[in-house]
Amino acid sequence: IQHLRRLYLFRFANAMYLLQFLVVGATGAVVNLAVLSGLQLAGLAPWICLAGGIGVSLVTNFLLNRRFTFSYARRGHAGRQFLGFLGASLVGLTVNYAVALGLSHKVLTGAYGLQVSAMIGIAAGMVFNFLGNRYIVFRKRYIRD
């Protein structure tokens, strides 16, 4: 299976990185919604619930992306990569948070309004996160002769 994965990565690199990024993102969305729902059950304000879900999923997404999606970068300095991941994700995080908070405040105010708003925010921020992380944080470095 590893050999087939490597062949697909060689032939369809960007599509495969995007697919793996989406799978990791889906697990991050589950983590985000679980943390958000737990904080909401604890009675915290919606803005805190959204920020908590995003923060925890940011860390889990970094770890999973570093391990699986961009596995070629595992030997790099994890601290620097995390700071780069955070920097590259700031636009996506901002879009995610602003969309989710705006929708939960004005449009989706029902029983599961915060969760639906968070899912829409996650989708809106995902594009920015993939591009920043693929081409800035976990870019491949080539040795020139």
Protein backbone atom coordinates (compact mmCIF):
# COMPACT_ATOMS: atom_id res chain seq x y z
CA ILE A 1 0.00 0.00 0.00
CA GLN A 2 2.86 2.38 0.80
CA HIS A 3 4.37 1.72 -2.62
CA LEU A 4 1.06 2.51 -4.37
CA ARG A 5 0.74 5.69 -2.30
CA ARG A 6 4.23 6.76 -3.38
CA LEU A 7 3.45 6.03 -7.04
CA TYR A 8 0.28 8.13 -6.87
CA LEU A 9 2.16 10.90 -5.08
CA PHE A 10 4.77 10.88 -7.82
CA ARG A 11 2.26 10.92 -10.68
CA PHE A 12 -0.56 13.02 -9.17
CA ALA A 13 1.25 14.95 -6.45
CA ASN A 14 -1.03 17.95 -5.96
CA ALA A 15 -4.24 15.93 -6.22
CA MET A 16 -2.96 13.37 -3.72
CA TYR A 17 -1.75 16.03 -1.28
CA LEU A 18 -5.15 17.72 -1.54
CA LEU A 19 -6.98 14.42 -0.96
CA GLN A 20 -4.86 13.61 2.09
CA PHE A 21 -5.25 17.18 3.34
CA LEU A 22 -9.04 16.84 3.03
CA VAL A 23 -9.03 13.55 4.96
CA VAL A 24 -6.97 15.12 7.74
CA GLY A 25 -9.24 18.17 7.57
CA ALA A 26 -12.30 15.96 8.03
CA THR A 27 -10.81 14.51 11.21
CA GLY A 28 -9.96 18.05 12.30
CA ALA A 29 -13.58 19.07 11.68
CA VAL A 30 -14.76 16.24 13.94
CA VAL A 31 -12.31 17.35 16.65
CA ASN A 32 -13.38 20.99 16.17
CA LEU A 33 -17.09 20.16 16.50
CA ALA A 34 -16.53 17.87 19.48
CA VAL A 35 -14.57 20.51 21.40
CA LEU A 36 -17.01 23.25 20.36
CA SER A 37 -19.99 21.17 21.51
CA GLY A 38 -18.30 20.29 24.80
CA LEU A 39 -17.56 23.94 25.52
CA GLN A 40 -21.12 24.87 24.54
CA LEU A 41 -22.49 22.25 26.96
CA ALA A 42 -20.30 23.79 29.64
CA GLY A 43 -22.20 27.03 29.08
CA LEU A 44 -19.44 29.12 27.54
CA ALA A 45 -20.10 31.97 25.12
CA PRO A 46 -20.29 31.08 21.40
CA TRP A 47 -17.15 33.06 20.53
CA ILE A 48 -15.16 31.06 23.12
CA CYS A 49 -16.62 27.76 21.88
CA LEU A 50 -15.65 28.57 18.28
CA ALA A 51 -12.15 29.68 19.26
CA GLY A 52 -11.61 26.59 21.43
CA GLY A 53 -12.69 24.21 18.67
CA ILE A 54 -10.48 25.94 16.13
CA GLY A 55 -7.48 25.99 18.48
CA VAL A 56 -7.58 22.30 19.36
CA SER A 57 -8.22 21.23 15.77
CA LEU A 58 -5.31 23.41 14.63
CA VAL A 59 -2.90 21.37 16.75
CA THR A 60 -4.33 17.98 15.73
CA ASN A 61 -4.35 18.99 12.05
CA PHE A 62 -0.71 20.06 12.24
CA LEU A 63 0.33 16.75 13.78
CA LEU A 64 -1.65 14.65 11.30
CA ASN A 65 -0.59 16.69 8.25
CA ARG A 66 3.04 16.51 9.29
CA ARG A 67 2.79 12.76 9.82
CA PHE A 68 0.69 11.74 6.80
CA THR A 69 -0.07 14.41 4.21
CA PHE A 70 3.36 16.00 4.06
CA SER A 71 5.31 13.05 5.45
CA TYR A 72 8.41 14.07 3.49
CA ALA A 73 8.73 17.01 5.92
CA ARG A 74 8.80 14.91 9.11
CA ARG A 75 12.52 15.33 9.55
CA GLY A 76 12.20 19.11 9.64
CA HIS A 77 12.18 21.09 12.87
CA ALA A 78 8.71 20.57 14.38
CA GLY A 79 8.67 23.87 16.29
CA ARG A 80 9.52 25.93 13.22
CA GLN A 81 7.03 23.97 11.15
CA PHE A 82 4.29 24.55 13.73
CA LEU A 83 4.95 28.28 13.74
CA GLY A 84 4.91 28.23 9.94
CA PHE A 85 1.71 26.17 9.99
CA LEU A 86 0.13 28.68 12.35
CA GLY A 87 1.27 31.60 10.19
CA ALA A 88 0.10 29.97 6.96
CA SER A 89 -3.21 29.08 8.59
CA LEU A 90 -3.93 32.55 9.97
CA VAL A 91 -5.88 33.66 6.89
CA GLY A 92 -7.89 30.42 6.87
CA LEU A 93 -8.43 30.61 10.64
CA THR A 94 -9.61 34.20 10.36
CA VAL A 95 -12.01 33.35 7.53
CA ASN A 96 -13.23 30.28 9.43
CA TYR A 97 -13.84 32.19 12.66
CA ALA A 98 -15.43 35.26 11.02
CA VAL A 99 -17.80 33.22 8.85
CA ALA A 100 -18.81 30.91 11.72
CA LEU A 101 -19.31 33.72 14.22
CA GLY A 102 -21.22 35.87 11.74
CA LEU A 103 -23.54 33.04 10.71
CA SER A 104 -24.17 31.90 14.28
CA HIS A 105 -24.98 35.45 15.33
CA LYS A 106 -27.26 36.53 12.52
CA VAL A 107 -28.40 33.60 10.37
CA LEU A 108 -28.18 30.20 12.06
CA THR A 109 -29.51 30.75 15.55
CA GLY A 110 -31.31 27.41 16.04
CA ALA A 111 -30.45 24.48 18.27
CA TYR A 112 -27.49 23.37 16.16
CA GLY A 113 -26.78 26.75 14.64
CA LEU A 114 -23.31 27.03 16.15
CA GLN A 115 -22.26 23.62 14.83
CA VAL A 116 -23.62 24.28 11.31
CA SER A 117 -21.97 27.70 11.32
CA ALA A 118 -18.67 26.11 12.36
CA MET A 119 -18.86 23.57 9.52
CA ILE A 120 -19.46 26.32 6.96
CA GLY A 121 -16.57 28.32 8.45
CA ILE A 122 -14.29 25.27 8.24
CA ALA A 123 -15.12 24.81 4.56
CA ALA A 124 -14.52 28.50 3.84
CA GLY A 125 -11.09 28.52 5.51
CA MET A 126 -9.89 25.19 4.10
CA VAL A 127 -8.77 26.50 0.70
CA PHE A 128 -6.50 29.11 2.27
CA ASN A 129 -5.07 26.56 4.69
CA PHE A 130 -4.19 24.03 1.98
CA LEU A 131 -2.46 26.53 -0.28
CA GLY A 132 -0.47 28.11 2.54
CA ASN A 133 0.65 24.82 4.00
CA ARG A 134 1.38 23.02 0.73
CA TYR A 135 3.45 25.80 -0.79
CA ILE A 136 4.92 27.60 2.23
CA VAL A 137 5.23 25.42 5.33
CA PHE A 138 5.68 21.92 3.89
CA ARG A 139 7.14 22.79 0.50
CA LYS A 140 9.57 20.33 -0.96
CA ARG A 141 13.17 21.43 -1.02
CA TYR A 142 15.25 20.31 -3.96
CA ILE A 143 19.02 20.02 -3.96
CA ARG A 144 20.58 21.78 -6.91
CA ASP A 145 23.80 20.50 -8.44
